């Protein structure tokens, strides 16, 4: 590539510039966004729900600029509105995400939600996505709509959302949601990756983004209790993470990895769990050595509530482009109600 760049420079400055950009892109998949001043400069960027290449380019922009798109779990229209209002006030893109239990709550807890069907969870997530699509443009910011942790036992929920994506795509040329998360970290790694490959293959024609988890996030969330998990399970290895890249990258570039570096859902006392965000940099360097690209991995920071600023900064420098927040906002919600009444 260096020889080609040198050769074309004698014939055409335009070709030389193009070759230089190609070389930079191979060295860093986010290089083209490093010089942009604002996320509004991303081609096609708009207020409202974004999907496909526009959403993926926003995540690339965030990674290139060293920040993460905040992702807030919402269970009601009012919590969606609060997140949208905050994004509007700060003029920043945000992610609204729905968990399986939160989705059922959105639809109404009196509705049947049978095991193996999870019809209320499907309905609630789909209604939540449609609600956000309707109101988000009025807030004047880009919005990603995402579904959170989906364990193997919750796959009927995932399938129902994908069916809604496929129907929406057929009518509008884009999926209903921007992205979905599969959390098969309770399964053996090989099975985890194989199921993710199967779903990413289905998602690719819809231009959906997949988030997956390798390693286990501790604590309790949405009825899944990992509070007693062995401490070593809270830390992924470079080999674990690269196996994900190796399995998914031939299918689509649009995937993110929630690698474990000691994360815990909820707010915990300092010293209870040792966060090691420096591991993310080790994962990047290991993958870079394999593929010849700088920081090829897109990471997600789970268990963000209560994290120290320096830990967040270390994670951002290592390629975290999305950060989840749930407990902090739940606390603020009920505390606000308590103080009001």
Protein backbone atom coordinates (compact mmCIF):
# COMPACT_ATOMS: atom_id res chain seq x y z
CA UNK A 1 0.00 0.00 0.00
CA UNK A 2 2.90 2.36 0.76
CA UNK A 3 4.39 1.66 -2.68
CA UNK A 4 1.04 2.29 -4.34
CA UNK A 5 0.69 5.58 -2.48
CA UNK A 6 4.16 6.65 -3.59
CA UNK A 7 3.44 5.65 -7.18
CA UNK A 8 0.15 7.50 -7.54
CA UNK A 9 1.57 10.64 -5.90
CA UNK A 10 3.63 11.29 -9.04
CA UNK A 11 0.55 11.07 -11.27
CA UNK A 12 -2.30 12.62 -9.35
CA UNK A 13 -2.50 14.52 -6.05
CA UNK A 14 -6.14 13.42 -5.83
CA UNK A 15 -5.21 9.74 -6.17
CA UNK A 16 -2.41 10.21 -3.65
CA UNK A 17 -4.84 11.73 -1.17
CA UNK A 18 -7.27 8.87 -1.71
CA UNK A 19 -4.49 6.32 -1.13
CA UNK A 20 -3.48 8.11 2.07
CA UNK A 21 -7.05 8.01 3.35
CA UNK A 22 -7.25 4.30 2.52
CA UNK A 23 -4.03 3.62 4.42
CA UNK A 24 -5.31 5.57 7.42
CA UNK A 25 -8.61 3.70 7.39
CA UNK A 26 -6.79 0.37 7.38
CA UNK A 27 -4.65 1.52 10.33
CA UNK A 28 -7.63 2.91 12.26
CA UNK A 29 -11.25 2.05 11.33
CA UNK A 30 -12.40 5.38 12.85
CA UNK A 31 -9.72 7.62 11.32
CA UNK A 32 -12.07 9.39 8.91
CA UNK A 33 -14.04 10.82 11.85
CA UNK A 34 -11.10 12.15 13.86
CA UNK A 35 -11.10 15.46 11.99
CA UNK A 36 -14.83 16.12 12.21
CA UNK A 37 -15.80 18.94 14.55
CA UNK A 38 -19.30 17.74 15.40
CA UNK A 39 -21.42 14.61 15.16
CA UNK A 40 -23.77 16.76 13.06
CA UNK A 41 -21.09 16.65 10.32
CA UNK A 42 -21.64 12.91 9.86
CA UNK A 43 -23.35 12.42 6.47
CA UNK A 44 -27.06 11.80 6.87
CA UNK A 45 -27.14 12.71 10.57
CA UNK A 46 -30.58 13.88 11.72
CA UNK A 47 -32.73 14.48 14.75
CA UNK A 48 -34.78 11.46 15.75
CA UNK A 49 -34.07 7.73 15.68
CA UNK A 50 -31.06 6.78 13.56
CA UNK A 51 -30.18 3.32 12.27
CA UNK A 52 -27.74 1.48 10.02
CA UNK A 53 -24.68 3.25 8.65
CA UNK A 54 -25.60 6.59 10.26
CA UNK A 55 -25.82 5.03 13.73
CA UNK A 56 -22.66 3.00 13.19
CA UNK A 57 -20.79 6.10 12.01
CA UNK A 58 -21.95 7.91 15.15
CA UNK A 59 -20.37 5.16 17.24
CA UNK A 60 -17.21 5.44 15.14
CA UNK A 61 -17.21 9.20 15.72
CA UNK A 62 -17.58 8.66 19.47
CA UNK A 63 -14.73 6.18 19.52
CA UNK A 64 -12.49 8.48 17.45
CA UNK A 65 -13.22 11.41 19.76
CA UNK A 66 -12.81 9.43 22.97
CA UNK A 67 -16.32 9.56 24.36
CA UNK A 68 -19.18 7.08 24.75
CA UNK A 69 -22.84 7.39 23.83
CA UNK A 70 -24.73 7.11 27.15
CA UNK A 71 -27.41 4.40 27.17
CA UNK A 72 -30.24 4.70 29.68
CA UNK A 73 -32.70 1.94 30.59
CA UNK A 74 -36.27 3.21 30.33
CA UNK A 75 -39.50 1.61 31.53
CA UNK A 76 -42.10 4.32 30.93
CA UNK A 77 -42.83 7.16 28.53
CA UNK A 78 -41.87 9.59 31.30
CA UNK A 79 -38.42 8.04 31.73
CA UNK A 80 -37.96 8.16 27.93
CA UNK A 81 -38.91 11.82 27.99
CA UNK A 82 -36.44 12.56 30.80
CA UNK A 83 -33.57 11.06 28.80
CA UNK A 84 -34.62 12.91 25.65
CA UNK A 85 -34.87 16.18 27.57
CA UNK A 86 -31.37 15.75 28.98
CA UNK A 87 -30.02 15.04 25.50
CA UNK A 88 -31.76 18.13 24.15
CA UNK A 89 -30.42 20.36 26.93
CA UNK A 90 -26.86 19.17 26.31
CA UNK A 91 -27.21 18.86 22.50
CA UNK A 92 -25.84 15.34 22.68
CA UNK A 93 -26.88 12.02 21.10
CA UNK A 94 -28.32 9.46 23.49
CA UNK A 95 -29.42 5.83 23.56
CA UNK A 96 -32.74 4.70 25.01
CA UNK A 97 -32.78 1.00 25.79
CA UNK A 98 -35.35 -1.47 27.03
CA UNK A 99 -34.69 -4.59 29.09
CA UNK A 100 -36.98 -7.61 28.92
CA UNK A 101 -38.56 -6.87 32.30
CA UNK A 102 -38.68 -3.15 31.59
CA UNK A 103 -40.42 -3.88 28.29
CA UNK A 104 -43.11 -5.93 30.05
CA UNK A 105 -43.58 -3.06 32.51
CA UNK A 106 -43.93 -0.61 29.62
CA UNK A 107 -46.83 -2.65 28.22
CA UNK A 108 -48.41 -3.23 31.64
CA UNK A 109 -47.67 -5.81 34.32
CA UNK A 110 -51.21 -7.20 34.22
CA UNK A 111 -50.69 -8.59 30.70
CA UNK A 112 -49.78 -12.28 30.22
CA UNK A 113 -46.08 -12.85 29.60
CA UNK A 114 -45.83 -16.61 29.23
CA UNK A 115 -42.54 -18.45 29.38
CA UNK A 116 -41.47 -19.33 25.85
CA UNK A 117 -43.60 -16.51 24.39
CA UNK A 118 -42.86 -13.38 26.44
CA UNK A 119 -45.64 -11.63 24.53
CA UNK A 120 -45.90 -8.68 26.93
CA UNK A 121 -42.15 -8.09 26.73
CA UNK A 122 -42.28 -8.13 22.93
CA UNK A 123 -45.27 -5.79 22.91
CA UNK A 124 -43.72 -3.38 25.40
CA UNK A 125 -40.37 -3.16 23.58
CA UNK A 126 -42.06 -2.62 20.22
CA UNK A 127 -44.42 0.01 21.68
CA UNK A 128 -41.48 1.72 23.38
CA UNK A 129 -39.52 1.85 20.12
CA UNK A 130 -42.53 3.29 18.26
CA UNK A 131 -43.07 5.85 21.02
CA UNK A 132 -39.47 7.03 20.86
CA UNK A 133 -39.65 7.20 17.07
CA UNK A 134 -42.66 9.50 17.30
CA UNK A 135 -41.34 11.94 19.89
CA UNK A 136 -37.56 11.93 19.37
CA UNK A 137 -37.48 14.32 16.36
CA UNK A 138 -39.15 17.02 18.48
CA UNK A 139 -36.16 16.98 20.86
CA UNK A 140 -33.72 17.82 18.05
CA UNK A 141 -31.05 15.18 18.79
CA UNK A 142 -30.01 11.82 17.29
CA UNK A 143 -31.35 8.85 19.23
CA UNK A 144 -30.37 5.18 19.20
CA UNK A 145 -33.09 2.69 20.24
CA UNK A 146 -31.64 -0.47 21.73
CA UNK A 147 -32.75 -3.61 23.55
CA UNK A 148 -30.65 -4.63 26.58
CA UNK A 149 -29.50 -8.01 27.95
CA UNK A 150 -31.17 -11.02 26.34
CA UNK A 151 -30.22 -14.34 27.91
CA UNK A 152 -30.81 -17.65 26.14
CA UNK A 153 -34.08 -18.20 28.02
CA UNK A 154 -35.31 -14.83 26.72
CA UNK A 155 -34.69 -15.50 23.01
CA UNK A 156 -38.46 -15.49 22.22
CA UNK A 157 -38.36 -11.80 23.19
CA UNK A 158 -35.42 -11.22 20.84
CA UNK A 159 -37.17 -13.09 18.03
CA UNK A 160 -40.32 -11.01 18.48
CA UNK A 161 -38.37 -7.76 18.24
CA UNK A 162 -36.58 -8.98 15.12
CA UNK A 163 -39.92 -9.80 13.51
CA UNK A 164 -41.01 -6.22 14.24
CA UNK A 165 -37.73 -4.98 12.72
CA UNK A 166 -38.32 -7.04 9.58
CA UNK A 167 -41.88 -5.76 9.18
CA UNK A 168 -40.77 -2.15 9.72
CA UNK A 169 -37.89 -2.59 7.27
CA UNK A 170 -40.24 -3.92 4.62
CA UNK A 171 -42.45 -0.84 5.01
CA UNK A 172 -39.83 1.87 5.61
CA UNK A 173 -36.44 0.60 4.44
CA UNK A 174 -34.91 0.59 7.93
CA UNK A 175 -35.39 -1.46 11.12
CA UNK A 176 -37.63 -0.37 13.99
CA UNK A 177 -34.76 -0.59 16.48
CA UNK A 178 -31.19 0.55 15.94
CA UNK A 179 -29.53 -2.32 17.77
CA UNK A 180 -30.08 -5.31 20.02
CA UNK A 181 -28.04 -7.07 22.68
CA UNK A 182 -27.57 -10.80 23.12
CA UNK A 183 -26.21 -11.74 26.55
CA UNK A 184 -25.33 -15.41 26.36
CA UNK A 185 -22.49 -15.09 28.86
CA UNK A 186 -24.03 -17.85 31.01
CA UNK A 187 -23.43 -20.29 28.15
CA UNK A 188 -20.06 -21.76 27.07
CA UNK A 189 -18.12 -19.24 24.98
CA UNK A 190 -18.27 -21.35 21.82
CA UNK A 191 -22.06 -21.63 22.05
CA UNK A 192 -22.35 -17.94 22.86
CA UNK A 193 -20.43 -16.97 19.72
CA UNK A 194 -22.25 -19.46 17.49
CA UNK A 195 -25.68 -18.16 18.49
CA UNK A 196 -24.47 -14.58 17.99
CA UNK A 197 -23.25 -15.52 14.50
CA UNK A 198 -26.66 -16.96 13.67
CA UNK A 199 -28.48 -13.82 14.78
CA UNK A 200 -26.00 -11.38 13.23
CA UNK A 201 -26.50 -13.15 9.92
CA UNK A 202 -30.25 -12.50 10.25
CA UNK A 203 -29.67 -8.91 11.36
CA UNK A 204 -27.20 -7.91 8.63
CA UNK A 205 -29.77 -7.45 5.81
CA UNK A 206 -31.69 -5.10 8.12
CA UNK A 207 -28.53 -3.07 8.85
CA UNK A 208 -28.93 -3.71 12.58
CA UNK A 209 -26.11 -3.45 15.11
CA UNK A 210 -25.48 -6.35 17.51
CA UNK A 211 -24.10 -6.00 21.02
CA UNK A 212 -22.91 -9.18 22.71
CA UNK A 213 -21.38 -10.04 26.09
CA UNK A 214 -18.33 -12.20 26.71
CA UNK A 215 -17.54 -12.80 30.37
CA UNK A 216 -20.05 -12.01 33.10
CA UNK A 217 -21.23 -8.70 34.52
CA UNK A 218 -21.78 -9.20 38.24
CA UNK A 219 -24.64 -8.02 40.44
CA UNK A 220 -28.36 -8.28 39.77
CA UNK A 221 -30.31 -6.86 36.85
CA UNK A 222 -33.75 -7.62 35.48
CA UNK A 223 -34.12 -10.82 37.51
CA UNK A 224 -30.71 -12.23 36.53
CA UNK A 225 -28.60 -12.70 39.67
CA UNK A 226 -24.83 -12.91 39.11
CA UNK A 227 -23.98 -11.65 42.58
CA UNK A 228 -22.44 -14.97 43.63
CA UNK A 229 -20.39 -15.59 40.49
CA UNK A 230 -16.74 -16.55 40.90
CA UNK A 231 -14.51 -13.47 40.79
CA UNK A 232 -12.39 -14.76 37.87
CA UNK A 233 -15.55 -14.91 35.73
CA UNK A 234 -15.79 -11.11 36.00
CA UNK A 235 -12.70 -10.68 33.79
CA UNK A 236 -12.49 -11.60 30.11
CA UNK A 237 -9.20 -12.57 28.46
CA UNK A 238 -7.68 -11.27 25.21
CA UNK A 239 -8.25 -14.68 23.65
CA UNK A 240 -11.95 -14.66 24.67
CA UNK A 241 -12.52 -11.26 23.14
CA UNK A 242 -10.60 -11.93 19.93
CA UNK A 243 -12.60 -15.13 19.42
CA UNK A 244 -15.71 -12.92 19.22
CA UNK A 245 -14.10 -10.66 16.63
CA UNK A 246 -12.90 -13.67 14.66
CA UNK A 247 -16.39 -15.18 14.65
CA UNK A 248 -18.48 -12.09 13.90
CA UNK A 249 -16.32 -9.83 11.70
CA UNK A 250 -16.69 -12.00 8.55
CA UNK A 251 -20.47 -11.49 8.80
CA UNK A 252 -20.70 -7.76 9.53
CA UNK A 253 -18.62 -4.96 11.01
CA UNK A 254 -21.64 -3.76 13.01
CA UNK A 255 -21.11 -5.43 16.36
CA UNK A 256 -20.00 -4.29 19.80
CA UNK A 257 -18.51 -6.29 22.64
CA UNK A 258 -19.43 -5.98 26.30
CA UNK A 259 -16.22 -7.50 27.63
CA UNK A 260 -15.97 -8.15 31.37
CA UNK A 261 -13.39 -6.15 33.32
CA UNK A 262 -14.88 -6.45 36.80
CA UNK A 263 -18.16 -4.68 36.01
CA UNK A 264 -21.11 -5.04 38.36
CA UNK A 265 -24.71 -3.97 37.84
CA UNK A 266 -25.92 -1.59 40.51
CA UNK A 267 -24.03 0.79 42.78
CA UNK A 268 -21.48 -0.87 45.03
CA UNK A 269 -19.12 0.19 47.80
CA UNK A 270 -15.56 1.11 46.71
CA UNK A 271 -13.26 -1.90 47.03
CA UNK A 272 -16.09 -4.42 46.81
CA UNK A 273 -15.23 -5.20 43.21
CA UNK A 274 -12.06 -4.17 41.44
CA UNK A 275 -12.71 -2.61 38.06
CA UNK A 276 -9.82 -3.16 35.66
CA UNK A 277 -10.58 -1.03 32.59
CA UNK A 278 -6.93 -1.28 31.56
CA UNK A 279 -7.77 -4.80 30.41
CA UNK A 280 -9.71 -3.29 27.50
CA UNK A 281 -6.48 -1.79 26.16
CA UNK A 282 -4.84 -5.23 26.42
CA UNK A 283 -7.73 -6.70 24.42
CA UNK A 284 -7.31 -4.02 21.75
CA UNK A 285 -3.57 -4.59 21.45
CA UNK A 286 -4.00 -8.34 21.19
CA UNK A 287 -6.61 -7.97 18.43
CA UNK A 288 -4.54 -5.29 16.66
CA UNK A 289 -1.62 -7.67 16.50
CA UNK A 290 -3.83 -10.24 14.84
CA UNK A 291 -5.61 -8.04 12.27
CA UNK A 292 -3.13 -5.21 11.66
CA UNK A 293 -5.55 -2.40 12.57
CA UNK A 294 -5.40 0.02 15.46
CA UNK A 295 -8.12 -0.52 18.07
CA UNK A 296 -10.36 -2.70 15.89
CA UNK A 297 -12.80 -3.48 18.73
CA UNK A 298 -15.88 -1.50 19.78
CA UNK A 299 -16.51 -1.92 23.50
CA UNK A 300 -19.51 -1.33 25.76
CA UNK A 301 -19.15 -0.38 29.43
CA UNK A 302 -21.78 -2.18 31.53
CA UNK A 303 -22.47 -1.41 35.16
CA UNK A 304 -21.63 2.26 34.72
CA UNK A 305 -23.50 3.54 37.78
CA UNK A 306 -21.15 4.56 40.58
CA UNK A 307 -17.96 4.17 38.53
CA UNK A 308 -15.03 6.47 39.26
CA UNK A 309 -14.16 9.17 36.71
CA UNK A 310 -10.61 7.88 36.17
CA UNK A 311 -11.94 4.37 35.48
CA UNK A 312 -14.34 5.75 32.89
CA UNK A 313 -11.53 7.75 31.27
CA UNK A 314 -9.34 4.65 31.00
CA UNK A 315 -12.19 2.70 29.41
CA UNK A 316 -12.92 5.48 26.92
CA UNK A 317 -9.28 5.63 25.85
CA UNK A 318 -9.44 1.89 25.12
CA UNK A 319 -12.35 2.13 22.68
CA UNK A 320 -15.56 2.16 24.72
CA UNK A 321 -18.20 3.81 22.51
CA UNK A 322 -21.33 3.04 24.58
CA UNK A 323 -21.83 3.22 28.33
CA UNK A 324 -24.86 1.87 30.18
CA UNK A 325 -26.51 3.69 33.06
CA UNK A 326 -29.49 2.26 34.93
CA UNK A 327 -29.26 2.25 38.73
CA UNK A 328 -28.27 5.92 38.99
CA UNK A 329 -31.30 7.02 36.98
CA UNK A 330 -33.67 4.63 38.78
CA UNK A 331 -32.47 6.13 42.05
CA UNK A 332 -32.96 9.69 40.79
CA UNK A 333 -36.47 8.81 39.54
CA UNK A 334 -37.84 7.40 42.78
CA UNK A 335 -35.96 9.94 44.93
CA UNK A 336 -37.57 12.74 42.90
CA UNK A 337 -41.01 11.26 43.48
CA UNK A 338 -40.27 10.79 47.17
CA UNK A 339 -39.17 14.39 47.66
CA UNK A 340 -42.05 15.75 45.60
CA UNK A 341 -44.69 14.05 47.74
